[in-house]
Amino acid sequence: MTATQQPARHPAAAHETAVIEDGAQVGAGTRVWHHAHVRDGAVVGSGCVLGKNVFVDAGAVVGDRCKIQNNVSVYTGVVLGSDVFVGPSAVFTNDLRPRASAGEWTITPTTVHDGASIGANATIVCGTVLGRAAMVAAGAVVTRDVEPHQLVLGNPARPAGWVCECGEVVSRGVTPPEDLRCSAHREETADHGGTQT
């Protein structure tokens, strides 16, 4: 990986085929791989990994320490929090009524909160909110909001349980359990004498 921009302007490490436009904000320690494109007006945090052929549009926001795998486009109106994982070929949209002939159109925003994960080939229909530490299964089509720590799967995506911060399923119940930690994290907390906050 070689830097194609001046470090003072773009502290990211970018492959020689990547395009980081003037006016894009890219945080320190972010790696931008083959044929990725970050547009003027895009914001990408520090410590991120943008895989091959990732596109970050003007006005899109990517938080710190995100991993966006190959062939993902993060369009205008999409906001990713920190520590978000987006699997290969996952799809974001930003227009509920797309027409090729439309002269004017309305951006419908999508928000993905900190620590959420989106599986490979999942589709996130615009206007939805993915809660903190939520998990979207591979191939799911998300048409409704996903609660924090909730696991969803299928087309359309439906609730399938609740996950720990680490992604381990902690319950298959309809409502979230009182303790959203997996057994390993509960033991870790007990070893340190702490309690869940």
C-alpha atoms as a PDB file:
ATOM      1  CA  MET A   1       0.000   0.000   0.000  1.00  0.00           C
ATOM      2  CA  THR A   2       1.401   3.384  -0.925  1.00  0.00           C
ATOM      3  CA  ALA A   3       0.227   6.844   0.029  1.00  0.00           C
ATOM      4  CA  THR A   4      -1.113   8.802  -2.940  1.00  0.00           C
ATOM      5  CA  GLN A   5      -1.886  11.996  -1.039  1.00  0.00           C
ATOM      6  CA  GLN A   6       0.136  14.301   1.163  1.00  0.00           C
ATOM      7  CA  PRO A   7       0.039  13.020   4.773  1.00  0.00           C
ATOM      8  CA  ALA A   8      -0.986  16.443   6.076  1.00  0.00           C
ATOM      9  CA  ARG A   9      -4.077  16.429   3.864  1.00  0.00           C
ATOM     10  CA  HIS A  10      -4.948  12.749   4.052  1.00  0.00           C
ATOM     11  CA  PRO A  11      -3.382  10.839   6.929  1.00  0.00           C
ATOM     12  CA  ALA A  12      -4.725   7.595   5.447  1.00  0.00           C
ATOM     13  CA  ALA A  13      -2.672   4.924   3.729  1.00  0.00           C
ATOM     14  CA  ALA A  14      -4.167   4.564   0.261  1.00  0.00           C
ATOM     15  CA  HIS A  15      -3.460   2.106  -2.533  1.00  0.00           C
ATOM     16  CA  GLU A  16      -2.174   3.765  -5.695  1.00  0.00           C
ATOM     17  CA  THR A  17      -5.455   2.970  -7.501  1.00  0.00           C
ATOM     18  CA  ALA A  18      -7.615   4.535  -4.780  1.00  0.00           C
ATOM     19  CA  VAL A  19      -9.103   8.006  -5.253  1.00  0.00           C
ATOM     20  CA  ILE A  20      -9.414  10.360  -2.293  1.00  0.00           C
ATOM     21  CA  GLU A  21     -10.811  13.622  -3.611  1.00  0.00           C
ATOM     22  CA  ASP A  22      -9.730  17.018  -2.339  1.00  0.00           C
ATOM     23  CA  GLY A  23     -12.130  18.024   0.422  1.00  0.00           C
ATOM     24  CA  ALA A  24     -12.660  14.480   1.695  1.00  0.00           C
ATOM     25  CA  GLN A  25     -11.926  14.074   5.402  1.00  0.00           C
ATOM     26  CA  VAL A  26     -10.095  10.844   6.179  1.00  0.00           C
ATOM     27  CA  GLY A  27      -8.816  10.102   9.681  1.00  0.00           C
ATOM     28  CA  ALA A  28      -5.394   8.956  10.760  1.00  0.00           C
ATOM     29  CA  GLY A  29      -4.578   5.286  10.391  1.00  0.00           C
ATOM     30  CA  THR A  30      -7.370   4.587   7.913  1.00  0.00           C
ATOM     31  CA  ARG A  31      -6.454   2.218   5.075  1.00  0.00           C
ATOM     32  CA  VAL A  32      -8.042   2.635   1.658  1.00  0.00           C
ATOM     33  CA  TRP A  33      -7.623  -0.318  -0.690  1.00  0.00           C
ATOM     34  CA  HIS A  34      -7.700  -0.981  -4.456  1.00  0.00           C
ATOM     35  CA  HIS A  35     -10.087   1.100  -6.565  1.00  0.00           C
ATOM     36  CA  ALA A  36     -11.834   2.622  -3.550  1.00  0.00           C
ATOM     37  CA  HIS A  37     -13.211   6.145  -4.001  1.00  0.00           C
ATOM     38  CA  VAL A  38     -13.829   8.720  -1.255  1.00  0.00           C
ATOM     39  CA  ARG A  39     -15.593  11.810  -2.585  1.00  0.00           C
ATOM     40  CA  ASP A  40     -15.183  15.462  -1.741  1.00  0.00           C
ATOM     41  CA  GLY A  41     -17.414  16.119   1.291  1.00  0.00           C
ATOM     42  CA  ALA A  42     -17.263  12.577   2.636  1.00  0.00           C
ATOM     43  CA  VAL A  43     -16.136  12.050   6.227  1.00  0.00           C
ATOM     44  CA  VAL A  44     -14.255   8.880   7.203  1.00  0.00           C
ATOM     45  CA  GLY A  45     -12.956   8.491  10.752  1.00  0.00           C
ATOM     46  CA  SER A  46      -9.648   7.183  12.032  1.00  0.00           C
ATOM     47  CA  GLY A  47      -8.504   3.574  12.080  1.00  0.00           C
ATOM     48  CA  CYS A  48     -10.964   2.435   9.389  1.00  0.00           C
ATOM     49  CA  VAL A  49     -10.469  -0.128   6.634  1.00  0.00           C
ATOM     50  CA  LEU A  50     -12.135   0.541   3.274  1.00  0.00           C
ATOM     51  CA  GLY A  51     -11.901  -2.595   1.140  1.00  0.00           C
ATOM     52  CA  LYS A  52     -11.506  -2.964  -2.593  1.00  0.00           C
ATOM     53  CA  ASN A  53     -14.025  -1.027  -4.686  1.00  0.00           C
ATOM     54  CA  VAL A  54     -15.614   0.772  -1.723  1.00  0.00           C
ATOM     55  CA  PHE A  55     -17.326   4.066  -2.579  1.00  0.00           C
ATOM     56  CA  VAL A  56     -17.998   6.750   0.042  1.00  0.00           C
ATOM     57  CA  ASP A  57     -20.208   9.489  -1.365  1.00  0.00           C
ATOM     58  CA  ALA A  58     -20.202  13.205  -0.676  1.00  0.00           C
ATOM     59  CA  GLY A  59     -22.110  13.811   2.545  1.00  0.00           C
ATOM     60  CA  ALA A  60     -21.754  10.243   3.805  1.00  0.00           C
ATOM     61  CA  VAL A  61     -20.253   9.807   7.277  1.00  0.00           C
ATOM     62  CA  VAL A  62     -18.186   6.850   8.487  1.00  0.00           C
ATOM     63  CA  GLY A  63     -17.149   6.790  12.151  1.00  0.00           C
ATOM     64  CA  ASP A  64     -13.887   5.579  13.684  1.00  0.00           C
ATOM     65  CA  ARG A  65     -12.594   1.986  13.440  1.00  0.00           C
ATOM     66  CA  CYS A  66     -15.171   0.877  10.863  1.00  0.00           C
ATOM     67  CA  LYS A  67     -14.491  -2.036   8.528  1.00  0.00           C
ATOM     68  CA  ILE A  68     -16.203  -1.781   5.166  1.00  0.00           C
ATOM     69  CA  GLN A  69     -15.553  -4.847   3.050  1.00  0.00           C
ATOM     70  CA  ASN A  70     -15.230  -5.070  -0.745  1.00  0.00           C
ATOM     71  CA  ASN A  71     -17.850  -3.694  -3.145  1.00  0.00           C
ATOM     72  CA  VAL A  72     -19.853  -1.534  -0.725  1.00  0.00           C
ATOM     73  CA  SER A  73     -21.192   1.932  -1.611  1.00  0.00           C
ATOM     74  CA  VAL A  74     -21.960   4.291   1.269  1.00  0.00           C
ATOM     75  CA  TYR A  75     -24.188   6.914  -0.316  1.00  0.00           C
ATOM     76  CA  THR A  76     -25.149  10.452   0.645  1.00  0.00           C
ATOM     77  CA  GLY A  77     -27.502  10.314   3.624  1.00  0.00           C
ATOM     78  CA  VAL A  78     -25.895   7.247   5.209  1.00  0.00           C
ATOM     79  CA  VAL A  79     -24.257   7.732   8.611  1.00  0.00           C
ATOM     80  CA  LEU A  80     -22.218   4.936  10.156  1.00  0.00           C
ATOM     81  CA  GLY A  81     -21.207   5.211  13.804  1.00  0.00           C
ATOM     82  CA  SER A  82     -17.900   3.940  15.154  1.00  0.00           C
ATOM     83  CA  ASP A  83     -16.860   0.264  15.162  1.00  0.00           C
ATOM     84  CA  VAL A  84     -19.395  -0.622  12.461  1.00  0.00           C
ATOM     85  CA  PHE A  85     -18.767  -3.688  10.286  1.00  0.00           C
ATOM     86  CA  VAL A  86     -20.201  -3.805   6.764  1.00  0.00           C
ATOM     87  CA  GLY A  87     -19.805  -7.145   4.974  1.00  0.00           C
ATOM     88  CA  PRO A  88     -18.851  -7.598   1.329  1.00  0.00           C
ATOM     89  CA  SER A  89     -21.363  -6.422  -1.269  1.00  0.00           C
ATOM     90  CA  ALA A  90     -23.821  -5.113   1.325  1.00  0.00           C
ATOM     91  CA  VAL A  91     -26.090  -2.430  -0.129  1.00  0.00           C
ATOM     92  CA  PHE A  92     -27.246   0.929   1.194  1.00  0.00           C
ATOM     93  CA  THR A  93     -29.921   2.986  -0.566  1.00  0.00           C
ATOM     94  CA  ASN A  94     -30.923   6.632  -0.179  1.00  0.00           C
ATOM     95  CA  ASP A  95     -34.017   7.116  -2.360  1.00  0.00           C
ATOM     96  CA  LEU A  96     -37.390   5.505  -1.602  1.00  0.00           C
ATOM     97  CA  ARG A  97     -38.833   6.314  -5.041  1.00  0.00           C
ATOM     98  CA  PRO A  98     -35.981   6.030  -7.530  1.00  0.00           C
ATOM     99  CA  ARG A  99     -36.593   6.947 -11.157  1.00  0.00           C
ATOM    100  CA  ALA A 100     -33.922   7.414 -13.816  1.00  0.00           C
ATOM    101  CA  SER A 101     -35.874  10.381 -15.198  1.00  0.00           C
ATOM    102  CA  ALA A 102     -36.391  12.155 -11.860  1.00  0.00           C
ATOM    103  CA  GLY A 103     -35.084  15.695 -11.975  1.00  0.00           C
ATOM    104  CA  GLU A 104     -35.459  16.193  -8.257  1.00  0.00           C
ATOM    105  CA  TRP A 105     -35.397  13.559  -5.551  1.00  0.00           C
ATOM    106  CA  THR A 106     -35.371  13.389  -1.790  1.00  0.00           C
ATOM    107  CA  ILE A 107     -32.567  11.810   0.197  1.00  0.00           C
ATOM    108  CA  THR A 108     -33.938   9.493   2.854  1.00  0.00           C
ATOM    109  CA  PRO A 109     -31.295   9.081   5.585  1.00  0.00           C
ATOM    110  CA  THR A 110     -30.080   5.843   7.135  1.00  0.00           C
ATOM    111  CA  THR A 111     -28.318   5.614  10.498  1.00  0.00           C
ATOM    112  CA  VAL A 112     -26.173   2.722  11.703  1.00  0.00           C
ATOM    113  CA  HIS A 113     -25.208   3.113  15.369  1.00  0.00           C
ATOM    114  CA  ASP A 114     -21.917   2.205  17.040  1.00  0.00           C
ATOM    115  CA  GLY A 115     -20.855  -1.418  16.989  1.00  0.00           C
ATOM    116  CA  ALA A 116     -23.536  -2.669  14.595  1.00  0.00           C
ATOM    117  CA  SER A 117     -22.679  -5.363  12.028  1.00  0.00           C
ATOM    118  CA  ILE A 118     -24.166  -5.881   8.573  1.00  0.00           C
ATOM    119  CA  GLY A 119     -23.626  -9.245   6.876  1.00  0.00           C
ATOM    120  CA  ALA A 120     -22.521  -9.940   3.321  1.00  0.00           C
ATOM    121  CA  ASN A 121     -25.053  -9.108   0.601  1.00  0.00           C
ATOM    122  CA  ALA A 122     -27.519  -7.581   3.063  1.00  0.00           C
ATOM    123  CA  THR A 123     -29.641  -4.687   1.798  1.00  0.00           C
ATOM    124  CA  ILE A 124     -30.441  -1.753   4.076  1.00  0.00           C
ATOM    125  CA  VAL A 125     -33.453   0.127   2.717  1.00  0.00           C
ATOM    126  CA  CYS A 126     -33.107   3.834   3.384  1.00  0.00           C
ATOM    127  CA  GLY A 127     -34.999   5.427   6.254  1.00  0.00           C
ATOM    128  CA  THR A 128     -34.055   2.686   8.687  1.00  0.00           C
ATOM    129  CA  VAL A 129     -32.056   2.908  11.906  1.00  0.00           C
ATOM    130  CA  LEU A 130     -29.797   0.097  13.070  1.00  0.00           C
ATOM    131  CA  GLY A 131     -29.327   0.254  16.833  1.00  0.00           C
ATOM    132  CA  ARG A 132     -26.103  -0.022  18.768  1.00  0.00           C
ATOM    133  CA  ALA A 133     -24.470  -3.482  18.496  1.00  0.00           C
ATOM    134  CA  ALA A 134     -27.303  -4.739  16.257  1.00  0.00           C
ATOM    135  CA  MET A 135     -26.541  -7.573  13.850  1.00  0.00           C
ATOM    136  CA  VAL A 136     -27.979  -8.024  10.365  1.00  0.00           C
ATOM    137  CA  ALA A 137     -27.536 -11.525   8.928  1.00  0.00           C
ATOM    138  CA  ALA A 138     -26.015 -12.134   5.506  1.00  0.00           C
ATOM    139  CA  GLY A 139     -28.518 -11.622   2.700  1.00  0.00           C
ATOM    140  CA  ALA A 140     -31.134  -9.946   4.901  1.00  0.00           C
ATOM    141  CA  VAL A 141     -33.281  -7.128   3.509  1.00  0.00           C
ATOM    142  CA  VAL A 142     -33.826  -4.551   6.241  1.00  0.00           C
ATOM    143  CA  THR A 143     -37.040  -2.567   5.765  1.00  0.00           C
ATOM    144  CA  ARG A 144     -37.672  -1.590   9.421  1.00  0.00           C
ATOM    145  CA  ASP A 145     -35.611  -0.264  12.305  1.00  0.00           C
ATOM    146  CA  VAL A 146     -33.437  -2.759  14.172  1.00  0.00           C
ATOM    147  CA  GLU A 147     -33.225  -2.387  17.948  1.00  0.00           C
ATOM    148  CA  PRO A 148     -29.932  -2.215  19.846  1.00  0.00           C
ATOM    149  CA  HIS A 149     -28.356  -5.697  20.190  1.00  0.00           C
ATOM    150  CA  GLN A 150     -31.104  -7.215  18.016  1.00  0.00           C
ATOM    151  CA  LEU A 151     -30.350  -9.927  15.457  1.00  0.00           C
ATOM    152  CA  VAL A 152     -32.417  -9.849  12.268  1.00  0.00           C
ATOM    153  CA  LEU A 153     -32.462 -12.165   9.260  1.00  0.00           C
ATOM    154  CA  GLY A 154     -34.438 -12.996   6.145  1.00  0.00           C
ATOM    155  CA  ASN A 155     -36.314 -11.105   3.452  1.00  0.00           C
ATOM    156  CA  PRO A 156     -37.847  -8.960   4.737  1.00  0.00           C
ATOM    157  CA  ALA A 157     -35.607  -9.027   7.813  1.00  0.00           C
ATOM    158  CA  ARG A 158     -37.345 -10.240  10.968  1.00  0.00           C
ATOM    159  CA  PRO A 159     -36.166 -10.422  14.596  1.00  0.00           C
ATOM    160  CA  ALA A 160     -34.284 -13.641  15.393  1.00  0.00           C
ATOM    161  CA  GLY A 161     -32.789 -12.919  18.818  1.00  0.00           C
ATOM    162  CA  TRP A 162     -30.364 -10.748  20.724  1.00  0.00           C
ATOM    163  CA  VAL A 163     -26.589 -10.542  20.607  1.00  0.00           C
ATOM    164  CA  CYS A 164     -23.738  -9.599  22.922  1.00  0.00           C
ATOM    165  CA  GLU A 165     -21.299  -6.807  22.052  1.00  0.00           C
ATOM    166  CA  CYS A 166     -19.070  -9.574  20.645  1.00  0.00           C
ATOM    167  CA  GLY A 167     -21.837 -10.865  18.358  1.00  0.00           C
ATOM    168  CA  GLU A 168     -22.619 -14.063  20.272  1.00  0.00           C
ATOM    169  CA  VAL A 169     -26.350 -14.863  20.399  1.00  0.00           C
ATOM    170  CA  VAL A 170     -27.530 -14.533  24.014  1.00  0.00           C
ATOM    171  CA  SER A 171     -31.261 -15.093  23.513  1.00  0.00           C
ATOM    172  CA  ARG A 172     -33.762 -16.152  20.872  1.00  0.00           C
ATOM    173  CA  GLY A 173     -36.601 -14.524  22.800  1.00  0.00           C
ATOM    174  CA  VAL A 174     -38.963 -11.870  21.499  1.00  0.00           C
ATOM    175  CA  THR A 175     -37.875  -9.329  24.097  1.00  0.00           C
ATOM    176  CA  PRO A 176     -34.286  -8.582  25.076  1.00  0.00           C
ATOM    177  CA  PRO A 177     -32.921 -10.417  28.118  1.00  0.00           C
ATOM    178  CA  GLU A 178     -31.993  -8.424  31.219  1.00  0.00           C
ATOM    179  CA  ASP A 179     -28.315  -9.220  30.620  1.00  0.00           C
ATOM    180  CA  LEU A 180     -27.133  -8.752  27.039  1.00  0.00           C
ATOM    181  CA  ARG A 181     -23.689 -10.225  27.722  1.00  0.00           C
ATOM    182  CA  CYS A 182     -22.647 -13.687  26.586  1.00  0.00           C
ATOM    183  CA  SER A 183     -21.417 -16.157  29.221  1.00  0.00           C
ATOM    184  CA  ALA A 184     -17.758 -15.351  28.476  1.00  0.00           C
ATOM    185  CA  HIS A 185     -18.324 -11.634  29.087  1.00  0.00           C
ATOM    186  CA  ARG A 186     -20.334 -12.298  32.248  1.00  0.00           C
ATOM    187  CA  GLU A 187     -17.457 -14.422  33.575  1.00  0.00           C
ATOM    188  CA  GLU A 188     -14.945 -11.758  32.608  1.00  0.00           C
ATOM    189  CA  THR A 189     -16.924  -9.127  34.536  1.00  0.00           C
ATOM    190  CA  ALA A 190     -17.255 -11.443  37.539  1.00  0.00           C
ATOM    191  CA  ASP A 191     -13.491 -12.076  37.500  1.00  0.00           C
ATOM    192  CA  HIS A 192     -12.905  -8.338  37.759  1.00  0.00           C
ATOM    193  CA  GLY A 193     -15.564  -7.846  40.424  1.00  0.00           C
ATOM    194  CA  GLY A 194     -17.630  -5.553  38.248  1.00  0.00           C
ATOM    195  CA  THR A 195     -21.288  -5.350  37.379  1.00  0.00           C
ATOM    196  CA  GLN A 196     -23.070  -4.592  34.144  1.00  0.00           C
ATOM    197  CA  THR A 197     -23.682  -0.917  33.474  1.00  0.00           C
END
